[in-house]
Amino acid sequence: MERYTECPIGEISQIALQGSGDYEINVEDASILNINYSQNTLTINPIAKGITKISVYDKITKNIANSTVTVSYTHLTLPTN
């Protein structure tokens, strides 16, 4: 899992996990994003602008992975004339 991830609001991101498959997953501030876990994949659904941390603890190997997630507004590209 990357140590830093940026996710625009409204764009769902997925992160593949490599490990035992038996995880404890924590989000520091659940008002910023929702996390769903299924089949070794974390699905990140950003819901509010801000910065939070995700922690994934592998209960079998005892490894911990942490990532800081910045949720921003969707980038808008304007045409130039």
C-alpha atoms as a PDB file:
ATOM      1  CA  MET A   1       0.000   0.000   0.000  1.00  0.00           C
ATOM      2  CA  GLU A   2       1.373   3.421  -0.927  1.00  0.00           C
ATOM      3  CA  ARG A   3       2.303   5.760   1.914  1.00  0.00           C
ATOM      4  CA  TYR A   4       0.474   8.673   0.258  1.00  0.00           C
ATOM      5  CA  THR A   5      -2.635   8.641  -1.914  1.00  0.00           C
ATOM      6  CA  GLU A   6      -4.700  11.470  -3.389  1.00  0.00           C
ATOM      7  CA  CYS A   7      -8.362  10.843  -4.165  1.00  0.00           C
ATOM      8  CA  PRO A   8     -10.734  13.412  -5.678  1.00  0.00           C
ATOM      9  CA  ILE A   9     -14.278  13.477  -4.270  1.00  0.00           C
ATOM     10  CA  GLY A  10     -16.559  11.305  -6.386  1.00  0.00           C
ATOM     11  CA  GLU A  11     -13.770   9.100  -7.784  1.00  0.00           C
ATOM     12  CA  ILE A  12     -13.629   5.678  -6.160  1.00  0.00           C
ATOM     13  CA  SER A  13     -10.131   4.184  -5.866  1.00  0.00           C
ATOM     14  CA  GLN A  14      -9.041   0.612  -5.251  1.00  0.00           C
ATOM     15  CA  ILE A  15      -5.890  -0.662  -3.569  1.00  0.00           C
ATOM     16  CA  ALA A  16      -4.805  -4.306  -3.801  1.00  0.00           C
ATOM     17  CA  LEU A  17      -3.521  -5.751  -0.523  1.00  0.00           C
ATOM     18  CA  GLN A  18      -0.896  -8.477  -0.336  1.00  0.00           C
ATOM     19  CA  GLY A  19      -0.968 -10.519   2.819  1.00  0.00           C
ATOM     20  CA  SER A  20      -2.909 -13.142   4.713  1.00  0.00           C
ATOM     21  CA  GLY A  21      -6.353 -11.723   3.911  1.00  0.00           C
ATOM     22  CA  ASP A  22      -7.205 -11.407   7.622  1.00  0.00           C
ATOM     23  CA  TYR A  23      -7.001  -7.658   8.277  1.00  0.00           C
ATOM     24  CA  GLU A  24      -8.054  -5.039  10.753  1.00  0.00           C
ATOM     25  CA  ILE A  25      -8.649  -1.789   8.850  1.00  0.00           C
ATOM     26  CA  ASN A  26      -8.955   1.612  10.491  1.00  0.00           C
ATOM     27  CA  VAL A  27      -9.659   5.078   9.108  1.00  0.00           C
ATOM     28  CA  GLU A  28      -8.578   7.952  11.323  1.00  0.00           C
ATOM     29  CA  ASP A  29     -11.412  10.264  10.178  1.00  0.00           C
ATOM     30  CA  ALA A  30     -14.391   8.419   8.702  1.00  0.00           C
ATOM     31  CA  SER A  31     -16.105  11.722   7.864  1.00  0.00           C
ATOM     32  CA  ILE A  32     -13.574  12.149   5.013  1.00  0.00           C
ATOM     33  CA  LEU A  33     -13.782   8.731   3.356  1.00  0.00           C
ATOM     34  CA  ASN A  34     -15.423   5.336   3.530  1.00  0.00           C
ATOM     35  CA  ILE A  35     -13.461   2.109   3.160  1.00  0.00           C
ATOM     36  CA  ASN A  36     -14.818  -1.240   2.043  1.00  0.00           C
ATOM     37  CA  TYR A  37     -12.737  -4.415   2.011  1.00  0.00           C
ATOM     38  CA  SER A  38     -13.407  -7.455  -0.176  1.00  0.00           C
ATOM     39  CA  GLN A  39     -11.165 -10.131  -1.693  1.00  0.00           C
ATOM     40  CA  ASN A  40      -7.832  -8.446  -0.789  1.00  0.00           C
ATOM     41  CA  THR A  41      -8.980  -5.118  -2.254  1.00  0.00           C
ATOM     42  CA  LEU A  42      -9.635  -1.882  -0.369  1.00  0.00           C
ATOM     43  CA  THR A  43     -12.185   0.360  -2.038  1.00  0.00           C
ATOM     44  CA  ILE A  44     -11.832   4.013  -1.072  1.00  0.00           C
ATOM     45  CA  ASN A  45     -14.886   6.240  -1.453  1.00  0.00           C
ATOM     46  CA  PRO A  46     -13.953   9.883  -0.755  1.00  0.00           C
ATOM     47  CA  ILE A  47     -16.848  11.879   0.707  1.00  0.00           C
ATOM     48  CA  ALA A  48     -15.373  15.160   2.003  1.00  0.00           C
ATOM     49  CA  LYS A  49     -12.296  17.298   1.431  1.00  0.00           C
ATOM     50  CA  GLY A  50      -9.527  16.720   3.967  1.00  0.00           C
ATOM     51  CA  ILE A  51      -6.612  14.545   5.023  1.00  0.00           C
ATOM     52  CA  THR A  52      -6.868  11.285   6.957  1.00  0.00           C
ATOM     53  CA  LYS A  53      -4.892   8.115   7.548  1.00  0.00           C
ATOM     54  CA  ILE A  54      -5.676   4.490   6.761  1.00  0.00           C
ATOM     55  CA  SER A  55      -4.082   1.723   8.811  1.00  0.00           C
ATOM     56  CA  VAL A  56      -4.148  -1.923   7.719  1.00  0.00           C
ATOM     57  CA  TYR A  57      -3.046  -4.528  10.273  1.00  0.00           C
ATOM     58  CA  ASP A  58      -2.480  -8.097   9.069  1.00  0.00           C
ATOM     59  CA  LYS A  59      -3.654 -10.258  11.969  1.00  0.00           C
ATOM     60  CA  ILE A  60      -1.650 -13.306  10.842  1.00  0.00           C
ATOM     61  CA  THR A  61       1.726 -11.785   9.861  1.00  0.00           C
ATOM     62  CA  LYS A  62       1.446  -8.880  12.369  1.00  0.00           C
ATOM     63  CA  ASN A  63       2.520  -6.417   9.636  1.00  0.00           C
ATOM     64  CA  ILE A  64       1.090  -2.900   9.591  1.00  0.00           C
ATOM     65  CA  ALA A  65       0.731  -0.645   6.551  1.00  0.00           C
ATOM     66  CA  ASN A  66      -0.191   3.016   6.877  1.00  0.00           C
ATOM     67  CA  SER A  67      -1.229   5.485   4.213  1.00  0.00           C
ATOM     68  CA  THR A  68      -2.072   9.174   4.317  1.00  0.00           C
ATOM     69  CA  VAL A  69      -4.991  10.010   2.044  1.00  0.00           C
ATOM     70  CA  THR A  70      -5.708  13.515   0.789  1.00  0.00           C
ATOM     71  CA  VAL A  71      -9.239  13.994  -0.490  1.00  0.00           C
ATOM     72  CA  SER A  72      -9.622  16.964  -2.819  1.00  0.00           C
ATOM     73  CA  TYR A  73     -12.238  18.407  -5.078  1.00  0.00           C
ATOM     74  CA  THR A  74     -12.381  16.891  -8.560  1.00  0.00           C
ATOM     75  CA  HIS A  75      -9.934  18.580 -10.889  1.00  0.00           C
ATOM     76  CA  LEU A  76     -11.666  20.423 -13.689  1.00  0.00           C
ATOM     77  CA  THR A  77      -9.893  20.809 -17.010  1.00  0.00           C
ATOM     78  CA  LEU A  78     -11.024  23.773 -19.079  1.00  0.00           C
ATOM     79  CA  PRO A  79     -10.392  24.020 -22.798  1.00  0.00           C
ATOM     80  CA  THR A  80      -8.059  26.748 -23.966  1.00  0.00           C
ATOM     81  CA  ASN A  81      -8.812  28.886 -26.993  1.00  0.00           C
END
